[in-house]
N, C-alpha and C. Protein backbone atom coordinates (compact mmCIF):
# COMPACT_ATOMS: atom_id res chain seq x y z
N MET A 1 32.12 -19.99 17.63
CA MET A 1 31.65 -18.34 17.15
C MET A 1 30.19 -18.43 16.76
N ALA A 2 29.80 -19.64 16.09
CA ALA A 2 28.52 -19.74 15.39
C ALA A 2 27.42 -19.70 16.54
N GLY A 3 27.97 -20.60 17.77
CA GLY A 3 27.11 -20.52 18.92
C GLY A 3 26.75 -19.23 19.40
N LYS A 4 27.96 -18.51 19.57
CA LYS A 4 27.82 -16.99 20.12
C LYS A 4 26.90 -16.19 19.23
N ARG A 5 26.92 -16.36 17.96
CA ARG A 5 25.99 -15.54 17.06
C ARG A 5 24.75 -15.88 17.30
N PHE A 6 24.46 -17.34 17.30
CA PHE A 6 23.08 -17.58 17.61
C PHE A 6 22.35 -17.00 18.83
N ILE A 7 23.37 -17.20 19.83
CA ILE A 7 22.65 -16.72 21.10
C ILE A 7 22.44 -15.05 21.16
N GLU A 8 23.30 -14.36 20.38
CA GLU A 8 23.04 -13.00 20.25
C GLU A 8 21.71 -12.74 19.38
N ALA A 9 21.57 -13.67 18.21
CA ALA A 9 20.41 -13.47 17.56
C ALA A 9 19.22 -13.70 18.32
N TYR A 10 19.18 -14.68 19.13
CA TYR A 10 18.17 -15.11 19.97
C TYR A 10 17.86 -13.82 21.01
N LYS A 11 18.70 -13.46 21.49
CA LYS A 11 18.57 -12.37 22.33
C LYS A 11 17.81 -11.27 21.84
N SER A 12 18.20 -10.88 20.50
CA SER A 12 17.70 -9.66 19.97
C SER A 12 16.30 -9.94 19.49
N PHE A 13 15.96 -11.24 19.22
CA PHE A 13 14.63 -11.45 18.95
C PHE A 13 13.67 -11.33 20.06
N PHE A 14 14.09 -11.91 21.32
CA PHE A 14 13.19 -11.98 22.43
C PHE A 14 13.24 -10.73 23.29
N ASN A 15 14.49 -9.92 22.94
CA ASN A 15 14.59 -8.64 23.79
C ASN A 15 14.99 -7.36 22.77
N PRO A 16 14.23 -7.03 21.81
CA PRO A 16 14.44 -6.11 20.77
C PRO A 16 14.75 -5.03 21.36
N LYS A 17 15.83 -4.06 20.73
CA LYS A 17 16.01 -2.97 21.23
C LYS A 17 14.93 -1.93 21.03
N PRO A 18 14.86 -0.89 22.19
CA PRO A 18 13.76 0.16 22.02
C PRO A 18 13.72 0.85 20.71
N VAL A 19 12.68 1.22 20.12
CA VAL A 19 12.69 1.92 18.93
C VAL A 19 12.06 3.27 19.28
N SER A 20 12.75 4.34 18.98
CA SER A 20 12.15 5.56 18.88
C SER A 20 11.40 6.25 17.87
N PRO A 21 10.29 6.93 17.87
CA PRO A 21 9.49 7.63 17.00
C PRO A 21 10.37 8.58 16.12
N PRO A 22 9.97 8.74 14.92
CA PRO A 22 8.77 8.23 14.26
C PRO A 22 8.68 6.84 13.95
N PHE A 23 7.72 5.94 14.04
CA PHE A 23 7.42 4.86 13.88
C PHE A 23 7.13 4.35 12.51
N LEU A 24 7.27 3.21 12.16
CA LEU A 24 6.86 2.43 10.84
C LEU A 24 5.49 1.76 11.27
N HIS A 25 4.91 1.80 12.19
CA HIS A 25 3.66 1.28 12.73
C HIS A 25 2.78 2.29 13.12
N VAL A 26 1.61 1.99 13.37
CA VAL A 26 0.48 2.83 13.96
C VAL A 26 0.52 2.42 15.58
N CYS A 27 0.67 3.56 16.28
CA CYS A 27 0.30 3.58 17.83
C CYS A 27 -1.01 2.93 18.09
N GLN A 28 -1.11 2.22 19.14
CA GLN A 28 -2.44 1.75 19.73
C GLN A 28 -3.01 2.51 20.69
N VAL A 29 -4.46 2.45 20.91
CA VAL A 29 -4.98 3.14 22.03
C VAL A 29 -4.36 2.58 23.22
N GLY A 30 -4.16 3.36 24.25
CA GLY A 30 -3.50 3.24 25.37
C GLY A 30 -2.16 3.94 25.40
N ASP A 31 -1.58 3.99 24.28
CA ASP A 31 -0.30 4.71 24.19
C ASP A 31 -0.39 6.30 24.47
N PRO A 32 0.20 6.79 25.66
CA PRO A 32 -0.16 8.33 25.91
C PRO A 32 0.02 9.38 24.93
N VAL A 33 0.81 8.99 23.76
CA VAL A 33 1.04 10.07 22.66
C VAL A 33 -0.27 10.18 22.13
N LEU A 34 -1.26 9.46 21.90
CA LEU A 34 -2.78 9.38 21.30
C LEU A 34 -3.41 10.41 22.16
N ARG A 35 -2.97 10.52 23.32
CA ARG A 35 -3.88 11.49 24.18
C ARG A 35 -3.31 12.74 24.59
N THR A 36 -2.34 13.09 23.62
CA THR A 36 -1.52 14.30 23.94
C THR A 36 -1.91 15.36 23.06
N ALA A 37 -2.07 16.68 23.40
CA ALA A 37 -2.33 17.78 22.48
C ALA A 37 -1.16 18.05 21.75
N THR A 38 -1.09 18.04 20.48
CA THR A 38 0.10 18.32 19.57
C THR A 38 0.61 19.84 19.62
N ARG A 39 1.70 19.87 19.09
CA ARG A 39 2.25 21.33 19.01
C ARG A 39 2.45 21.69 17.64
N PRO A 40 2.35 23.06 17.39
CA PRO A 40 2.46 23.38 16.08
C PRO A 40 3.91 23.18 15.36
N VAL A 41 4.17 23.05 13.88
CA VAL A 41 5.32 23.00 13.49
C VAL A 41 5.76 24.38 13.02
N GLU A 42 6.99 24.95 13.49
CA GLU A 42 7.52 26.18 13.21
C GLU A 42 7.79 26.12 11.56
N VAL A 43 7.51 27.28 11.00
CA VAL A 43 7.64 27.30 9.71
C VAL A 43 9.05 27.28 9.31
N GLU A 44 10.11 27.79 10.13
CA GLU A 44 11.37 27.60 9.98
C GLU A 44 11.94 26.36 9.91
N HIS A 45 11.17 25.36 10.50
CA HIS A 45 11.56 24.20 10.75
C HIS A 45 11.25 22.95 9.47
N LEU A 46 10.33 23.58 8.60
CA LEU A 46 9.60 22.80 7.55
C LEU A 46 10.77 22.15 6.85
N ASP A 47 11.86 22.73 6.74
CA ASP A 47 13.04 22.11 5.63
C ASP A 47 14.20 21.23 6.50
N SER A 48 13.79 21.20 7.73
CA SER A 48 14.73 20.24 8.68
C SER A 48 14.53 18.96 8.31
N PRO A 49 15.79 18.25 8.62
CA PRO A 49 15.95 16.74 8.28
C PRO A 49 14.70 16.05 9.12
N GLU A 50 14.54 16.46 10.29
CA GLU A 50 13.49 15.83 11.24
C GLU A 50 12.16 16.01 10.81
N ILE A 51 11.90 17.15 10.40
CA ILE A 51 10.32 17.11 9.82
C ILE A 51 10.33 16.70 8.69
N LYS A 52 11.18 16.40 7.55
CA LYS A 52 11.09 15.77 6.54
C LYS A 52 10.94 14.33 6.88
N GLN A 53 11.71 13.70 7.77
CA GLN A 53 11.67 12.33 8.18
C GLN A 53 10.25 11.91 8.48
N VAL A 54 9.59 12.75 9.42
CA VAL A 54 8.48 12.55 9.92
C VAL A 54 7.28 12.38 8.55
N ILE A 55 7.39 13.55 7.87
CA ILE A 55 6.50 13.58 6.57
C ILE A 55 6.71 12.11 5.80
N LEU A 56 8.05 11.76 5.55
CA LEU A 56 8.18 10.64 4.71
C LEU A 56 7.56 9.48 5.43
N GLN A 57 7.92 9.28 6.65
CA GLN A 57 7.35 7.96 7.37
C GLN A 57 5.81 8.10 7.60
N MET A 58 5.15 9.13 7.72
CA MET A 58 3.87 9.21 7.64
C MET A 58 3.24 8.69 6.48
N LYS A 59 3.88 9.11 5.20
CA LYS A 59 3.56 8.55 3.88
C LYS A 59 3.72 7.28 3.63
N GLN A 60 4.95 6.59 4.22
CA GLN A 60 5.21 5.21 4.17
C GLN A 60 4.21 4.60 5.08
N VAL A 61 3.88 4.76 6.19
CA VAL A 61 2.72 4.24 6.90
C VAL A 61 1.42 4.22 6.29
N MET A 62 1.04 5.38 5.85
CA MET A 62 -0.41 5.60 5.09
C MET A 62 -0.37 4.57 4.07
N LYS A 63 0.82 4.26 3.33
CA LYS A 63 0.63 3.49 2.21
C LYS A 63 0.59 1.93 2.79
N ARG A 64 1.40 1.77 3.58
CA ARG A 64 1.53 0.25 4.14
C ARG A 64 0.21 -0.23 4.79
N TYR A 65 -0.59 0.67 5.33
CA TYR A 65 -1.78 0.37 6.04
C TYR A 65 -3.01 0.54 5.12
N ASP A 66 -2.58 1.00 4.01
CA ASP A 66 -3.72 1.46 3.02
C ASP A 66 -4.89 2.36 3.73
N SER A 67 -4.39 3.48 4.35
CA SER A 67 -5.30 4.16 5.10
C SER A 67 -5.95 5.22 4.24
N VAL A 68 -6.81 6.13 4.79
CA VAL A 68 -7.53 7.01 4.08
C VAL A 68 -7.01 8.45 4.85
N GLY A 69 -6.64 8.27 5.90
CA GLY A 69 -6.05 9.43 6.95
C GLY A 69 -5.11 9.03 7.90
N LEU A 70 -4.13 9.91 8.33
CA LEU A 70 -3.35 9.33 9.17
C LEU A 70 -2.74 10.90 9.86
N ALA A 71 -2.53 10.90 11.10
CA ALA A 71 -2.26 12.01 12.08
C ALA A 71 -0.78 11.74 12.46
N ALA A 72 0.27 12.58 12.85
CA ALA A 72 1.63 12.58 13.13
C ALA A 72 1.39 11.74 14.59
N PRO A 73 0.74 11.97 15.37
CA PRO A 73 0.59 11.17 16.82
C PRO A 73 0.47 9.81 16.64
N GLN A 74 -0.05 9.31 15.38
CA GLN A 74 -0.21 7.77 15.21
C GLN A 74 1.04 7.21 14.89
N ILE A 75 2.01 7.79 14.62
CA ILE A 75 3.26 7.34 14.43
C ILE A 75 4.31 7.94 15.58
N GLY A 76 3.59 8.27 16.54
CA GLY A 76 4.48 8.72 17.92
C GLY A 76 4.99 10.06 18.13
N ILE A 77 4.66 10.91 16.94
CA ILE A 77 5.17 12.49 16.95
C ILE A 77 3.95 13.30 17.23
N PRO A 78 3.93 13.87 18.66
CA PRO A 78 2.96 14.90 18.81
C PRO A 78 2.93 16.17 18.29
N LEU A 79 2.98 16.33 16.83
CA LEU A 79 3.06 17.22 15.98
C LEU A 79 1.84 17.51 15.18
N SER A 80 1.48 18.80 14.90
CA SER A 80 0.22 19.23 14.16
C SER A 80 0.39 19.00 12.65
N MET A 81 0.30 17.67 12.26
CA MET A 81 0.44 17.24 10.77
C MET A 81 -0.71 16.12 10.45
N ILE A 82 -1.36 16.20 9.38
CA ILE A 82 -2.35 15.16 9.02
C ILE A 82 -1.97 14.84 7.53
N LEU A 83 -2.46 13.60 7.02
CA LEU A 83 -2.38 13.17 5.64
C LEU A 83 -3.69 12.53 5.40
N LEU A 84 -4.24 13.00 4.32
CA LEU A 84 -5.42 12.67 3.73
C LEU A 84 -5.44 12.17 2.37
N GLU A 85 -6.22 11.03 2.15
CA GLU A 85 -6.15 10.52 0.75
C GLU A 85 -7.48 9.74 0.53
N PHE A 86 -8.15 9.90 -0.58
CA PHE A 86 -9.13 9.13 -0.97
C PHE A 86 -9.30 8.71 -2.38
N SER A 87 -8.54 7.70 -2.75
CA SER A 87 -8.33 7.46 -4.26
C SER A 87 -9.51 6.75 -4.92
N PRO A 88 -9.57 6.74 -6.23
CA PRO A 88 -10.61 6.27 -7.18
C PRO A 88 -10.95 4.90 -6.88
N LYS A 89 -9.79 4.12 -6.49
CA LYS A 89 -10.10 2.51 -6.03
C LYS A 89 -11.13 2.36 -4.81
N ARG A 90 -11.35 3.59 -4.00
CA ARG A 90 -12.29 3.27 -2.88
C ARG A 90 -13.73 3.15 -3.55
N LYS A 91 -14.25 3.53 -4.77
CA LYS A 91 -15.45 3.37 -5.31
C LYS A 91 -15.64 1.84 -5.42
N GLU A 92 -14.60 1.31 -5.88
CA GLU A 92 -14.79 -0.45 -6.18
C GLU A 92 -14.72 -0.96 -4.79
N GLN A 93 -14.22 -0.52 -3.92
CA GLN A 93 -13.94 -1.06 -2.75
C GLN A 93 -15.19 -0.91 -1.77
N PHE A 94 -15.88 0.05 -1.78
CA PHE A 94 -17.26 0.30 -1.03
C PHE A 94 -18.23 -0.18 -1.98
N GLY A 95 -18.23 -0.06 -3.23
CA GLY A 95 -19.47 -0.24 -4.05
C GLY A 95 -20.07 1.07 -4.30
N ALA A 96 -20.73 1.08 -5.68
CA ALA A 96 -21.34 2.49 -6.06
C ALA A 96 -22.52 2.87 -5.15
N GLU A 97 -23.33 1.96 -4.59
CA GLU A 97 -24.40 2.41 -3.81
C GLU A 97 -23.70 3.12 -2.59
N VAL A 98 -22.93 2.43 -1.68
CA VAL A 98 -22.44 3.05 -0.48
C VAL A 98 -21.56 4.12 -0.81
N TYR A 99 -20.85 4.43 -1.98
CA TYR A 99 -20.10 5.29 -2.22
C TYR A 99 -20.91 6.70 -2.44
N ALA A 100 -22.00 6.57 -3.02
CA ALA A 100 -23.10 7.52 -3.20
C ALA A 100 -23.65 8.04 -1.98
N ALA A 101 -24.15 7.03 -1.12
CA ALA A 101 -25.03 7.18 -0.05
C ALA A 101 -24.26 7.98 0.94
N ARG A 102 -22.89 7.70 1.03
CA ARG A 102 -22.04 8.50 2.11
C ARG A 102 -21.41 9.56 1.61
N GLU A 103 -21.75 9.88 0.36
CA GLU A 103 -21.28 11.34 -0.20
C GLU A 103 -19.52 11.27 -0.22
N MET A 104 -18.98 10.19 -0.73
CA MET A 104 -17.62 9.93 -0.92
C MET A 104 -17.38 10.62 -2.22
N SER A 105 -15.99 10.90 -2.17
CA SER A 105 -15.43 11.65 -3.35
C SER A 105 -13.97 11.57 -3.25
N THR A 106 -13.22 11.73 -4.36
CA THR A 106 -11.80 11.43 -4.59
C THR A 106 -10.95 12.48 -3.82
N LEU A 107 -9.84 12.34 -3.09
CA LEU A 107 -8.84 13.34 -2.81
C LEU A 107 -7.40 12.85 -2.92
N PRO A 108 -6.66 13.49 -3.73
CA PRO A 108 -5.21 12.95 -3.90
C PRO A 108 -4.41 13.09 -2.44
N LEU A 109 -3.37 12.55 -2.33
CA LEU A 109 -2.72 12.42 -1.26
C LEU A 109 -2.34 13.75 -0.82
N THR A 110 -2.65 14.30 0.33
CA THR A 110 -2.79 15.63 0.94
C THR A 110 -2.23 15.81 2.14
N LEU A 111 -1.12 16.53 2.41
CA LEU A 111 -0.43 16.71 3.74
C LEU A 111 -1.04 18.17 3.91
N VAL A 112 -1.52 18.23 5.31
CA VAL A 112 -1.99 19.50 5.81
C VAL A 112 -0.93 19.80 7.24
N ILE A 113 -0.22 20.59 7.33
CA ILE A 113 0.44 21.15 8.44
C ILE A 113 -0.09 22.27 9.33
N ASN A 114 -0.12 22.08 10.62
CA ASN A 114 -0.91 23.15 11.46
C ASN A 114 -2.18 23.34 11.02
N PRO A 115 -3.16 22.28 10.81
CA PRO A 115 -4.46 22.58 10.28
C PRO A 115 -5.44 23.10 11.18
N LYS A 116 -6.22 24.18 10.52
CA LYS A 116 -7.45 24.61 11.33
C LYS A 116 -8.60 24.19 10.79
N MET A 117 -9.72 23.84 11.53
CA MET A 117 -10.87 23.30 11.02
C MET A 117 -12.02 24.27 11.29
N ASP A 118 -13.08 24.66 10.41
CA ASP A 118 -14.12 25.46 10.60
C ASP A 118 -15.24 24.54 10.01
N VAL A 119 -16.43 24.54 10.99
CA VAL A 119 -17.61 23.67 10.34
C VAL A 119 -18.38 24.83 9.57
N ILE A 120 -18.83 24.12 8.27
CA ILE A 120 -19.70 24.84 7.37
C ILE A 120 -21.00 24.47 7.52
N ASP A 121 -21.42 23.27 7.91
CA ASP A 121 -22.62 22.65 7.88
C ASP A 121 -22.80 21.87 9.21
N TYR A 122 -23.49 22.30 10.21
CA TYR A 122 -23.56 21.83 11.64
C TYR A 122 -24.55 20.46 11.56
N SER A 123 -25.07 20.25 10.47
CA SER A 123 -25.86 18.92 10.46
C SER A 123 -25.08 17.79 10.94
N LYS A 124 -25.53 16.92 11.68
CA LYS A 124 -24.93 15.66 12.32
C LYS A 124 -25.33 14.67 11.45
N VAL A 125 -24.28 13.68 10.85
CA VAL A 125 -24.56 12.53 10.22
C VAL A 125 -23.98 11.31 11.01
N GLU A 126 -24.63 10.29 11.07
CA GLU A 126 -24.18 9.18 11.96
C GLU A 126 -23.83 7.96 10.85
N LEU A 127 -22.43 7.44 10.74
CA LEU A 127 -22.19 6.32 10.16
C LEU A 127 -20.99 5.68 10.74
N PRO A 128 -20.77 4.43 10.38
CA PRO A 128 -19.76 3.69 11.02
C PRO A 128 -18.29 4.27 10.77
N GLU A 129 -17.38 4.02 11.61
CA GLU A 129 -16.15 4.72 11.66
C GLU A 129 -15.20 3.74 12.28
N SER A 130 -13.99 3.73 11.83
CA SER A 130 -12.80 2.85 12.28
C SER A 130 -11.62 3.62 12.42
N CYS A 131 -10.52 3.23 13.06
CA CYS A 131 -9.35 3.75 13.27
C CYS A 131 -8.20 2.93 13.34
N GLU A 132 -7.02 2.95 12.59
CA GLU A 132 -5.69 2.31 12.72
C GLU A 132 -5.26 2.24 14.12
N SER A 133 -5.58 3.16 14.80
CA SER A 133 -4.97 3.13 16.24
C SER A 133 -5.92 2.44 17.27
N ILE A 134 -7.19 1.84 16.78
CA ILE A 134 -8.12 0.97 17.54
C ILE A 134 -8.31 -0.19 16.69
N ARG A 135 -7.19 -0.89 16.24
CA ARG A 135 -7.41 -1.87 15.05
C ARG A 135 -8.33 -2.92 15.35
N GLY A 136 -9.10 -3.05 14.45
CA GLY A 136 -10.08 -4.35 14.63
C GLY A 136 -11.38 -4.04 15.06
N TYR A 137 -11.68 -2.65 15.40
CA TYR A 137 -12.94 -2.18 15.98
C TYR A 137 -13.66 -1.17 15.05
N SER A 138 -14.92 -1.07 15.11
CA SER A 138 -15.48 0.34 14.56
C SER A 138 -16.79 0.59 15.71
N ALA A 139 -17.48 1.72 15.33
CA ALA A 139 -18.59 2.19 15.91
C ALA A 139 -19.14 3.20 15.15
N VAL A 140 -20.37 3.50 15.36
CA VAL A 140 -21.28 4.67 14.71
C VAL A 140 -20.68 5.93 15.63
N VAL A 141 -20.33 6.74 14.75
CA VAL A 141 -19.91 8.13 15.22
C VAL A 141 -20.62 9.35 14.38
N PRO A 142 -21.16 10.28 15.26
CA PRO A 142 -21.88 11.32 14.71
C PRO A 142 -20.82 12.61 14.21
N ARG A 143 -20.95 13.03 13.06
CA ARG A 143 -20.03 13.95 12.50
C ARG A 143 -20.54 15.13 11.95
N TYR A 144 -20.07 16.16 11.65
CA TYR A 144 -20.53 17.38 11.07
C TYR A 144 -20.67 17.18 9.65
N LYS A 145 -21.44 17.73 8.71
CA LYS A 145 -21.76 17.29 7.32
C LYS A 145 -20.75 17.99 6.39
N ALA A 146 -20.21 19.00 6.79
CA ALA A 146 -19.25 19.85 5.84
C ALA A 146 -18.51 20.50 6.79
N VAL A 147 -16.98 20.51 6.43
CA VAL A 147 -16.14 21.46 7.06
C VAL A 147 -15.09 22.31 6.04
N ARG A 148 -14.42 23.18 6.87
CA ARG A 148 -13.32 23.74 5.99
C ARG A 148 -12.04 23.47 6.66
N LEU A 149 -11.27 23.11 6.00
CA LEU A 149 -9.80 22.70 6.43
C LEU A 149 -8.80 23.87 6.10
N SER A 150 -7.84 24.38 6.88
CA SER A 150 -6.98 25.21 6.30
C SER A 150 -5.51 25.14 6.92
N GLY A 151 -4.55 25.17 6.27
CA GLY A 151 -3.08 24.94 6.78
C GLY A 151 -2.08 25.20 5.82
N MET A 152 -1.15 24.48 5.71
CA MET A 152 0.10 24.59 4.88
C MET A 152 0.64 23.22 4.41
N ASP A 153 1.21 23.21 3.21
CA ASP A 153 1.90 21.99 2.96
C ASP A 153 3.50 21.95 3.40
N GLU A 154 4.20 21.04 2.82
CA GLU A 154 5.71 20.86 3.31
C GLU A 154 6.46 22.06 2.83
N LYS A 155 5.94 22.90 1.98
CA LYS A 155 6.69 23.83 1.42
C LYS A 155 6.19 25.33 2.10
N GLY A 156 5.37 25.18 2.86
CA GLY A 156 4.92 26.51 3.46
C GLY A 156 3.63 27.13 2.79
N GLU A 157 3.27 26.56 1.51
CA GLU A 157 2.40 27.07 0.78
C GLU A 157 0.83 26.87 1.55
N PRO A 158 0.21 27.71 1.22
CA PRO A 158 -1.34 27.57 1.86
C PRO A 158 -2.21 26.23 1.30
N VAL A 159 -2.75 25.60 2.28
CA VAL A 159 -3.73 24.52 1.80
C VAL A 159 -5.13 24.73 2.32
N VAL A 160 -6.16 24.96 1.37
CA VAL A 160 -7.51 25.19 1.84
C VAL A 160 -8.44 24.20 1.06
N LEU A 161 -9.13 23.43 2.05
CA LEU A 161 -10.09 22.33 1.51
C LEU A 161 -11.69 22.59 2.02
N GLU A 162 -12.48 22.64 1.27
CA GLU A 162 -13.87 22.70 1.77
C GLU A 162 -14.51 21.36 1.28
N LYS A 163 -15.05 20.30 2.27
CA LYS A 163 -15.39 19.14 1.94
C LYS A 163 -16.90 18.71 2.73
N LYS A 164 -17.43 17.92 2.28
CA LYS A 164 -18.63 17.55 2.76
C LYS A 164 -18.50 16.12 2.75
N GLY A 165 -19.67 15.40 3.46
CA GLY A 165 -19.86 13.93 3.42
C GLY A 165 -18.51 13.30 3.89
N TRP A 166 -18.14 12.06 3.37
CA TRP A 166 -17.22 11.35 3.86
C TRP A 166 -15.85 11.86 4.13
N LEU A 167 -15.38 12.79 2.93
CA LEU A 167 -14.12 13.51 3.29
C LEU A 167 -14.02 14.41 4.57
N ALA A 168 -15.32 14.89 4.91
CA ALA A 168 -15.57 15.86 6.18
C ALA A 168 -15.30 15.02 7.26
N ARG A 169 -15.97 13.88 7.23
CA ARG A 169 -15.84 12.86 8.49
C ARG A 169 -14.30 12.36 8.66
N ILE A 170 -13.44 12.31 7.31
CA ILE A 170 -12.02 11.78 7.60
C ILE A 170 -11.36 13.04 8.31
N ILE A 171 -11.80 14.20 7.80
CA ILE A 171 -10.92 15.52 8.41
C ILE A 171 -11.32 15.60 9.85
N GLN A 172 -12.44 15.38 10.28
CA GLN A 172 -12.82 15.48 11.56
C GLN A 172 -11.97 14.51 12.51
N HIS A 173 -12.10 13.40 11.96
CA HIS A 173 -11.22 12.14 12.68
C HIS A 173 -10.05 12.47 12.96
N GLU A 174 -9.22 12.99 11.74
CA GLU A 174 -7.78 13.18 11.85
C GLU A 174 -7.78 14.36 12.78
N MET A 175 -8.39 15.56 12.78
CA MET A 175 -8.37 16.43 13.78
C MET A 175 -8.42 16.20 15.11
N ASP A 176 -9.33 15.30 15.34
CA ASP A 176 -9.35 14.82 16.73
C ASP A 176 -8.04 14.30 17.10
N HIS A 177 -7.48 13.60 16.29
CA HIS A 177 -6.25 13.03 16.83
C HIS A 177 -5.14 14.19 17.13
N LEU A 178 -5.18 15.31 16.60
CA LEU A 178 -4.42 16.50 16.95
C LEU A 178 -4.55 16.92 18.19
N HIS A 179 -5.87 16.75 18.92
CA HIS A 179 -6.27 17.23 20.19
C HIS A 179 -6.40 16.18 21.16
N GLY A 180 -5.62 15.20 21.04
CA GLY A 180 -5.82 13.94 22.07
C GLY A 180 -7.05 13.10 21.96
N LYS A 181 -7.99 13.33 21.06
CA LYS A 181 -9.18 12.72 21.02
C LYS A 181 -9.22 11.29 20.12
N LEU A 182 -9.82 10.35 20.50
CA LEU A 182 -10.21 9.21 19.68
C LEU A 182 -11.77 9.10 19.38
N TYR A 183 -12.25 8.34 18.35
CA TYR A 183 -13.63 8.33 17.89
C TYR A 183 -14.28 7.60 19.09
N ILE A 184 -13.59 6.92 20.14
CA ILE A 184 -14.55 6.17 20.83
C ILE A 184 -14.97 7.41 22.18
N ASP A 185 -14.29 8.46 22.05
CA ASP A 185 -14.90 9.48 22.85
C ASP A 185 -16.12 10.08 22.43
N CYS A 186 -16.38 10.10 21.23
CA CYS A 186 -17.64 10.45 20.67
C CYS A 186 -18.48 9.58 19.94
N MET A 187 -18.46 8.34 20.16
CA MET A 187 -19.04 7.37 19.38
C MET A 187 -20.60 7.15 19.99
N THR A 188 -21.29 6.56 19.39
CA THR A 188 -22.53 5.90 19.85
C THR A 188 -22.15 4.56 20.63
N SER A 189 -22.06 4.59 21.93
CA SER A 189 -21.30 3.28 22.56
C SER A 189 -21.84 2.05 22.19
N ARG A 190 -23.16 1.94 22.25
CA ARG A 190 -23.73 0.60 22.06
C ARG A 190 -23.32 -0.09 20.80
N THR A 191 -22.87 0.78 19.82
CA THR A 191 -22.60 0.31 18.24
C THR A 191 -21.34 -0.08 18.36
N PHE A 192 -20.42 -0.02 19.39
CA PHE A 192 -18.91 -0.39 19.19
C PHE A 192 -18.77 -1.92 19.13
N GLN A 193 -17.99 -2.33 18.15
CA GLN A 193 -18.03 -3.72 17.91
C GLN A 193 -16.54 -4.12 17.45
N ASN A 194 -16.44 -5.36 17.51
CA ASN A 194 -15.14 -6.09 17.06
C ASN A 194 -15.43 -6.29 15.67
N ASP A 195 -14.91 -5.97 14.58
CA ASP A 195 -15.19 -6.14 13.10
C ASP A 195 -15.36 -7.55 12.65
N GLY A 196 -14.55 -8.34 13.55
CA GLY A 196 -14.28 -9.73 13.24
C GLY A 196 -15.02 -10.85 13.99
N TRP A 197 -16.10 -10.45 14.60
CA TRP A 197 -16.68 -11.17 15.63
C TRP A 197 -17.30 -12.18 14.82
N HIS A 198 -17.91 -12.25 13.76
CA HIS A 198 -18.51 -13.42 13.21
C HIS A 198 -17.34 -14.38 12.80
N ARG A 199 -16.22 -14.00 12.29
CA ARG A 199 -15.07 -14.95 11.95
C ARG A 199 -14.74 -15.47 13.09
N ILE A 200 -14.57 -15.00 14.30
CA ILE A 200 -14.05 -15.41 15.56
C ILE A 200 -14.80 -16.59 16.11
N ASN A 201 -16.16 -16.53 15.77
CA ASN A 201 -17.13 -17.46 16.01
C ASN A 201 -16.99 -18.79 15.24
N VAL A 202 -16.87 -18.36 13.77
CA VAL A 202 -16.65 -19.52 12.82
C VAL A 202 -15.25 -20.46 13.13
N HIS A 203 -14.36 -19.59 13.53
CA HIS A 203 -12.93 -20.08 13.74
C HIS A 203 -12.90 -20.70 15.25
N GLN A 204 -13.86 -20.39 16.26
CA GLN A 204 -13.86 -20.85 17.27
C GLN A 204 -12.56 -20.00 18.18
N GLY A 205 -12.67 -18.88 17.99
CA GLY A 205 -11.52 -17.92 18.48
C GLY A 205 -10.23 -18.01 17.96
N ARG A 206 -9.87 -18.98 17.02
CA ARG A 206 -8.40 -18.99 16.56
C ARG A 206 -8.25 -17.87 15.71
N VAL A 207 -8.37 -16.63 15.82
CA VAL A 207 -8.33 -15.41 14.91
C VAL A 207 -7.35 -14.50 15.62
N LYS A 208 -6.46 -13.76 14.96
CA LYS A 208 -5.65 -12.80 15.61
C LYS A 208 -5.71 -11.36 14.76
N ILE A 209 -5.33 -10.41 15.29
CA ILE A 209 -5.30 -8.98 14.79
C ILE A 209 -3.88 -8.65 14.39
N GLU A 210 -3.59 -8.38 13.28
CA GLU A 210 -2.20 -7.95 13.09
C GLU A 210 -2.03 -6.62 13.22
N PHE A 211 -1.05 -6.11 14.04
CA PHE A 211 -0.85 -4.76 14.37
C PHE A 211 0.45 -4.07 13.39
N HIS A 212 0.78 -4.89 12.76
CA HIS A 212 1.87 -4.48 11.81
C HIS A 212 1.61 -4.79 10.29
N LYS A 213 1.87 -3.77 9.29
CA LYS A 213 1.68 -4.21 7.92
C LYS A 213 2.81 -4.32 7.03
N LYS A 214 3.29 -5.57 6.41
CA LYS A 214 4.21 -5.40 5.68
C LYS A 214 4.42 -4.70 4.40
């Protein structure tokens, strides 16, 4: 009997059962869901168990990956929902000089359903950007300086944000996800890099990128 249990465990490890979205990991570039235009969430479905589960798992994944933004397609769900957050700890993480230079500011965890974006300031700012769906890489991306975001929260209440600088960049990045776009579509291509290139050289290639956060 013990031998049979071992064989079953062995099979489950090497042949895991398919998992259906919403996922508890972030989908990676190449997954068709990241190139799919999202559908709006019907107001009458906001209170459904399915939508509540998607929102819950978006929040769990956001926390697990320590992200500043996440769109529903990134966990396998082609619905028009984004999460945004820029906590006070980011100032220490980036340093005061970078924090000021990139016009960073705090934003509590904010869910926006069926978001619409309008550009307030059409000036373009070029800064490095990365994405959990292209894990381990970054590039310089031009973004509008200021935008207005409008939508609703999980209770159907209106949400309106007017943001500039880094938060405007995060909003534009997440809105792109809802239209099947990634930053690699609008980046300055010659700046695209593996962020661990130096570490890879130091360790003679013996470096790995984790695609799952515990």
